[in-house]
Amino acid sequence: MTIAVGVIETQTFPAVLAAGDAMVKAGRVTLTRQERSESGRQFVVVRGPVAEVRRAVEAGLVAAKACPNNAEVTTHVIIPNPQENVDGILPISFSPESEAFRV
């Protein structure tokens, strides 16, 4: 099975929280990471089957944009099958904390 990665970046923590919650509820995905980037923006990463990640990211975008106080989605991306090198270096892989929830 091809494991995709989906990432949503927002300006605020409430928006990334709403996005992450919507993503895990909308698709059979695992939330693998939530962090603040060096620019101060927030991002959330999910992994799972390609179709499920697409569905989850769509739901996450709607939820993040619905947050009050002009919550802004900065960007998002879906990578259907990241190379091993990308998976090993960038902060998108499963962590010990997320492994228990792996789909």
N, C-alpha and C. Protein backbone atom coordinates (compact mmCIF):
# COMPACT_ATOMS: atom_id res chain seq x y z
N MET A 1 0.85 -1.18 0.00
CA MET A 1 0.00 0.00 0.00
C MET A 1 0.89 1.24 0.00
N THR A 2 0.54 2.20 -0.85
CA THR A 2 1.27 3.45 -0.93
C THR A 2 0.85 4.36 0.21
N ILE A 3 1.81 4.82 0.99
CA ILE A 3 1.54 5.72 2.11
C ILE A 3 1.88 7.14 1.69
N ALA A 4 0.88 7.99 1.71
CA ALA A 4 1.04 9.39 1.33
C ALA A 4 1.31 10.23 2.56
N VAL A 5 1.72 11.47 2.32
CA VAL A 5 1.89 12.45 3.38
C VAL A 5 1.09 13.69 2.99
N GLY A 6 0.40 14.26 3.97
CA GLY A 6 -0.34 15.51 3.76
C GLY A 6 0.05 16.50 4.84
N VAL A 7 0.29 17.75 4.43
CA VAL A 7 0.72 18.78 5.37
C VAL A 7 -0.14 20.02 5.16
N ILE A 8 -0.56 20.61 6.27
CA ILE A 8 -1.26 21.90 6.25
C ILE A 8 -0.48 22.84 7.15
N GLU A 9 -0.21 24.04 6.65
CA GLU A 9 0.47 25.07 7.43
C GLU A 9 -0.48 26.25 7.63
N THR A 10 -0.57 26.73 8.86
CA THR A 10 -1.45 27.85 9.18
C THR A 10 -0.69 28.92 9.94
N GLN A 11 -1.33 30.06 10.12
CA GLN A 11 -0.72 31.16 10.88
C GLN A 11 -0.91 30.99 12.38
N THR A 12 -1.95 30.28 12.82
CA THR A 12 -2.27 30.23 14.25
C THR A 12 -2.41 28.80 14.75
N PHE A 13 -2.21 28.64 16.04
CA PHE A 13 -2.38 27.32 16.66
C PHE A 13 -3.83 26.85 16.62
N PRO A 14 -4.85 27.70 16.92
CA PRO A 14 -6.22 27.20 16.84
C PRO A 14 -6.59 26.65 15.46
N ALA A 15 -6.08 27.28 14.42
CA ALA A 15 -6.38 26.80 13.07
C ALA A 15 -5.73 25.45 12.80
N VAL A 16 -4.50 25.25 13.26
CA VAL A 16 -3.84 23.97 13.04
C VAL A 16 -4.46 22.89 13.92
N LEU A 17 -4.94 23.26 15.09
CA LEU A 17 -5.65 22.30 15.95
C LEU A 17 -6.94 21.85 15.28
N ALA A 18 -7.70 22.80 14.75
CA ALA A 18 -8.94 22.46 14.05
C ALA A 18 -8.66 21.60 12.82
N ALA A 19 -7.60 21.94 12.10
CA ALA A 19 -7.24 21.16 10.91
C ALA A 19 -6.87 19.73 11.28
N GLY A 20 -6.01 19.57 12.27
CA GLY A 20 -5.59 18.23 12.69
C GLY A 20 -6.75 17.37 13.16
N ASP A 21 -7.65 17.98 13.94
CA ASP A 21 -8.82 17.26 14.43
C ASP A 21 -9.70 16.81 13.27
N ALA A 22 -9.96 17.71 12.34
CA ALA A 22 -10.80 17.39 11.19
C ALA A 22 -10.15 16.32 10.31
N MET A 23 -8.84 16.38 10.18
CA MET A 23 -8.14 15.43 9.33
C MET A 23 -8.26 14.00 9.84
N VAL A 24 -8.05 13.81 11.14
CA VAL A 24 -8.11 12.43 11.66
C VAL A 24 -9.54 11.92 11.74
N LYS A 25 -10.51 12.82 11.76
CA LYS A 25 -11.91 12.40 11.76
C LYS A 25 -12.42 12.10 10.35
N ALA A 26 -11.82 12.73 9.34
CA ALA A 26 -12.33 12.62 7.97
C ALA A 26 -11.77 11.43 7.20
N GLY A 27 -10.60 10.97 7.58
CA GLY A 27 -9.98 9.89 6.81
C GLY A 27 -9.24 8.94 7.72
N ARG A 28 -8.90 7.79 7.16
CA ARG A 28 -8.14 6.78 7.89
C ARG A 28 -6.67 7.14 7.79
N VAL A 29 -6.30 8.17 8.59
CA VAL A 29 -4.93 8.70 8.58
C VAL A 29 -4.40 8.75 10.00
N THR A 30 -3.09 8.88 10.10
CA THR A 30 -2.42 9.04 11.38
C THR A 30 -1.78 10.41 11.43
N LEU A 31 -2.06 11.17 12.47
CA LEU A 31 -1.41 12.45 12.68
C LEU A 31 -0.02 12.13 13.22
N THR A 32 1.01 12.46 12.44
CA THR A 32 2.36 12.08 12.84
C THR A 32 3.14 13.21 13.48
N ARG A 33 2.74 14.45 13.22
CA ARG A 33 3.51 15.55 13.79
C ARG A 33 2.71 16.84 13.75
N GLN A 34 2.91 17.66 14.76
CA GLN A 34 2.42 19.05 14.80
C GLN A 34 3.54 19.86 15.39
N GLU A 35 3.94 20.89 14.70
CA GLU A 35 5.05 21.71 15.18
C GLU A 35 4.87 23.15 14.76
N ARG A 36 5.71 23.99 15.34
CA ARG A 36 5.81 25.38 14.93
C ARG A 36 7.09 25.52 14.11
N SER A 37 6.97 26.10 12.94
CA SER A 37 8.14 26.29 12.10
C SER A 37 8.94 27.49 12.60
N GLU A 38 10.11 27.68 12.05
CA GLU A 38 10.97 28.78 12.48
C GLU A 38 10.34 30.14 12.22
N SER A 39 9.45 30.22 11.25
CA SER A 39 8.77 31.49 10.95
C SER A 39 7.63 31.78 11.93
N GLY A 40 7.34 30.82 12.81
CA GLY A 40 6.26 31.00 13.77
C GLY A 40 4.95 30.41 13.31
N ARG A 41 4.89 29.96 12.08
CA ARG A 41 3.67 29.31 11.59
C ARG A 41 3.57 27.91 12.17
N GLN A 42 2.37 27.39 12.17
CA GLN A 42 2.10 26.05 12.69
C GLN A 42 1.87 25.10 11.52
N PHE A 43 2.32 23.85 11.66
CA PHE A 43 1.98 22.88 10.63
C PHE A 43 1.63 21.54 11.26
N VAL A 44 0.80 20.80 10.53
CA VAL A 44 0.35 19.49 10.98
C VAL A 44 0.56 18.52 9.82
N VAL A 45 1.00 17.29 10.15
CA VAL A 45 1.33 16.28 9.15
C VAL A 45 0.50 15.03 9.41
N VAL A 46 -0.09 14.48 8.35
CA VAL A 46 -0.79 13.20 8.45
C VAL A 46 -0.21 12.24 7.43
N ARG A 47 -0.30 10.95 7.73
CA ARG A 47 0.15 9.88 6.84
C ARG A 47 -0.96 8.86 6.72
N GLY A 48 -1.04 8.23 5.57
CA GLY A 48 -2.03 7.19 5.33
C GLY A 48 -2.15 6.88 3.85
N PRO A 49 -3.13 6.06 3.47
CA PRO A 49 -3.36 5.77 2.06
C PRO A 49 -3.67 7.06 1.29
N VAL A 50 -3.29 7.11 0.03
CA VAL A 50 -3.39 8.32 -0.77
C VAL A 50 -4.79 8.93 -0.76
N ALA A 51 -5.81 8.14 -1.05
CA ALA A 51 -7.18 8.67 -1.09
C ALA A 51 -7.62 9.19 0.27
N GLU A 52 -7.21 8.53 1.32
CA GLU A 52 -7.59 8.95 2.67
C GLU A 52 -6.89 10.26 3.05
N VAL A 53 -5.63 10.41 2.66
CA VAL A 53 -4.91 11.65 2.93
C VAL A 53 -5.54 12.81 2.17
N ARG A 54 -5.92 12.56 0.92
CA ARG A 54 -6.59 13.62 0.14
C ARG A 54 -7.87 14.07 0.83
N ARG A 55 -8.68 13.12 1.25
CA ARG A 55 -9.93 13.44 1.94
C ARG A 55 -9.66 14.18 3.24
N ALA A 56 -8.66 13.73 3.97
CA ALA A 56 -8.33 14.35 5.26
C ALA A 56 -7.84 15.78 5.08
N VAL A 57 -6.98 16.02 4.11
CA VAL A 57 -6.45 17.37 3.88
C VAL A 57 -7.58 18.31 3.46
N GLU A 58 -8.48 17.85 2.61
CA GLU A 58 -9.62 18.69 2.22
C GLU A 58 -10.45 19.10 3.44
N ALA A 59 -10.72 18.16 4.32
CA ALA A 59 -11.48 18.46 5.54
C ALA A 59 -10.70 19.39 6.46
N GLY A 60 -9.39 19.17 6.56
CA GLY A 60 -8.56 20.03 7.39
C GLY A 60 -8.52 21.46 6.90
N LEU A 61 -8.49 21.65 5.58
CA LEU A 61 -8.49 23.00 5.02
C LEU A 61 -9.79 23.73 5.34
N VAL A 62 -10.90 23.03 5.21
CA VAL A 62 -12.20 23.64 5.52
C VAL A 62 -12.26 24.04 6.99
N ALA A 63 -11.81 23.14 7.87
CA ALA A 63 -11.86 23.41 9.31
C ALA A 63 -10.95 24.57 9.71
N ALA A 64 -9.75 24.62 9.15
CA ALA A 64 -8.81 25.69 9.49
C ALA A 64 -9.32 27.04 9.02
N LYS A 65 -9.88 27.08 7.83
CA LYS A 65 -10.39 28.34 7.29
C LYS A 65 -11.64 28.82 8.03
N ALA A 66 -12.33 27.91 8.70
CA ALA A 66 -13.55 28.28 9.44
C ALA A 66 -13.25 28.85 10.82
N CYS A 67 -12.01 28.81 11.26
CA CYS A 67 -11.66 29.35 12.57
C CYS A 67 -11.88 30.87 12.59
N PRO A 68 -12.31 31.40 13.74
CA PRO A 68 -12.54 32.84 13.82
C PRO A 68 -11.24 33.65 13.83
N ASN A 69 -11.38 34.94 13.79
CA ASN A 69 -10.25 35.89 13.87
C ASN A 69 -9.30 35.76 12.69
N ASN A 70 -9.86 35.60 11.51
CA ASN A 70 -9.06 35.58 10.28
C ASN A 70 -7.94 34.54 10.28
N ALA A 71 -8.26 33.33 10.72
CA ALA A 71 -7.26 32.26 10.66
C ALA A 71 -6.89 32.04 9.20
N GLU A 72 -5.62 31.95 8.95
CA GLU A 72 -5.15 31.85 7.57
C GLU A 72 -4.41 30.55 7.34
N VAL A 73 -4.81 29.83 6.30
CA VAL A 73 -4.05 28.68 5.86
C VAL A 73 -2.97 29.22 4.93
N THR A 74 -1.72 29.00 5.30
CA THR A 74 -0.61 29.51 4.52
C THR A 74 -0.40 28.68 3.26
N THR A 75 -0.34 27.36 3.45
CA THR A 75 -0.13 26.46 2.32
C THR A 75 -0.48 25.04 2.72
N HIS A 76 -0.53 24.17 1.75
CA HIS A 76 -0.75 22.75 2.01
C HIS A 76 -0.16 21.95 0.86
N VAL A 77 0.10 20.67 1.12
CA VAL A 77 0.65 19.80 0.08
C VAL A 77 0.29 18.35 0.39
N ILE A 78 0.15 17.57 -0.67
CA ILE A 78 -0.04 16.12 -0.56
C ILE A 78 1.02 15.48 -1.45
N ILE A 79 1.81 14.59 -0.87
CA ILE A 79 2.82 13.84 -1.62
C ILE A 79 2.39 12.38 -1.60
N PRO A 80 2.01 11.81 -2.75
CA PRO A 80 1.48 10.45 -2.77
C PRO A 80 2.43 9.36 -2.29
N ASN A 81 3.70 9.45 -2.60
CA ASN A 81 4.63 8.38 -2.22
C ASN A 81 6.02 8.97 -2.05
N PRO A 82 6.29 9.60 -0.90
CA PRO A 82 7.59 10.24 -0.73
C PRO A 82 8.74 9.22 -0.76
N GLN A 83 9.85 9.64 -1.33
CA GLN A 83 11.04 8.81 -1.38
C GLN A 83 11.53 8.53 0.04
N GLU A 84 12.25 7.42 0.22
CA GLU A 84 12.77 7.05 1.54
C GLU A 84 13.65 8.15 2.13
N ASN A 85 14.45 8.79 1.30
CA ASN A 85 15.35 9.83 1.78
C ASN A 85 14.56 11.01 2.33
N VAL A 86 13.51 11.42 1.65
CA VAL A 86 12.65 12.51 2.11
C VAL A 86 11.97 12.11 3.42
N ASP A 87 11.49 10.88 3.46
CA ASP A 87 10.81 10.37 4.65
C ASP A 87 11.74 10.32 5.85
N GLY A 88 13.00 10.00 5.63
CA GLY A 88 13.95 9.86 6.73
C GLY A 88 14.50 11.18 7.24
N ILE A 89 14.55 12.20 6.39
CA ILE A 89 15.19 13.46 6.77
C ILE A 89 14.19 14.51 7.24
N LEU A 90 13.11 14.68 6.51
CA LEU A 90 12.14 15.72 6.87
C LEU A 90 11.22 15.25 8.00
N PRO A 91 10.63 16.17 8.74
CA PRO A 91 9.79 15.78 9.89
C PRO A 91 8.39 15.32 9.47
N ILE A 92 8.34 14.21 8.71
CA ILE A 92 7.05 13.70 8.25
C ILE A 92 6.83 12.25 8.64
N SER A 93 7.86 11.59 9.17
CA SER A 93 7.75 10.16 9.44
C SER A 93 7.01 9.89 10.75
N PHE A 94 6.67 8.64 10.93
CA PHE A 94 6.01 8.23 12.16
C PHE A 94 6.99 8.35 13.32
N SER A 95 6.52 8.86 14.43
CA SER A 95 7.34 8.99 15.63
C SER A 95 6.94 7.89 16.61
N PRO A 96 7.71 7.69 17.66
CA PRO A 96 7.29 6.70 18.67
C PRO A 96 5.91 7.02 19.25
N GLU A 97 5.60 8.31 19.37
CA GLU A 97 4.29 8.70 19.91
C GLU A 97 3.16 8.41 18.94
N SER A 98 3.39 8.56 17.63
CA SER A 98 2.32 8.35 16.65
C SER A 98 2.22 6.91 16.20
N GLU A 99 3.24 6.10 16.43
CA GLU A 99 3.27 4.72 15.95
C GLU A 99 2.08 3.91 16.47
N ALA A 100 1.65 4.16 17.68
CA ALA A 100 0.52 3.42 18.24
C ALA A 100 -0.78 3.67 17.48
N PHE A 101 -0.85 4.78 16.75
CA PHE A 101 -2.07 5.13 16.01
C PHE A 101 -1.94 4.89 14.52
N ARG A 102 -0.87 4.26 14.10
CA ARG A 102 -0.58 4.05 12.67
C ARG A 102 -1.69 3.25 12.02
N VAL A 103 -2.11 3.71 10.83
CA VAL A 103 -3.17 3.01 10.08
C VAL A 103 -2.59 2.08 9.07
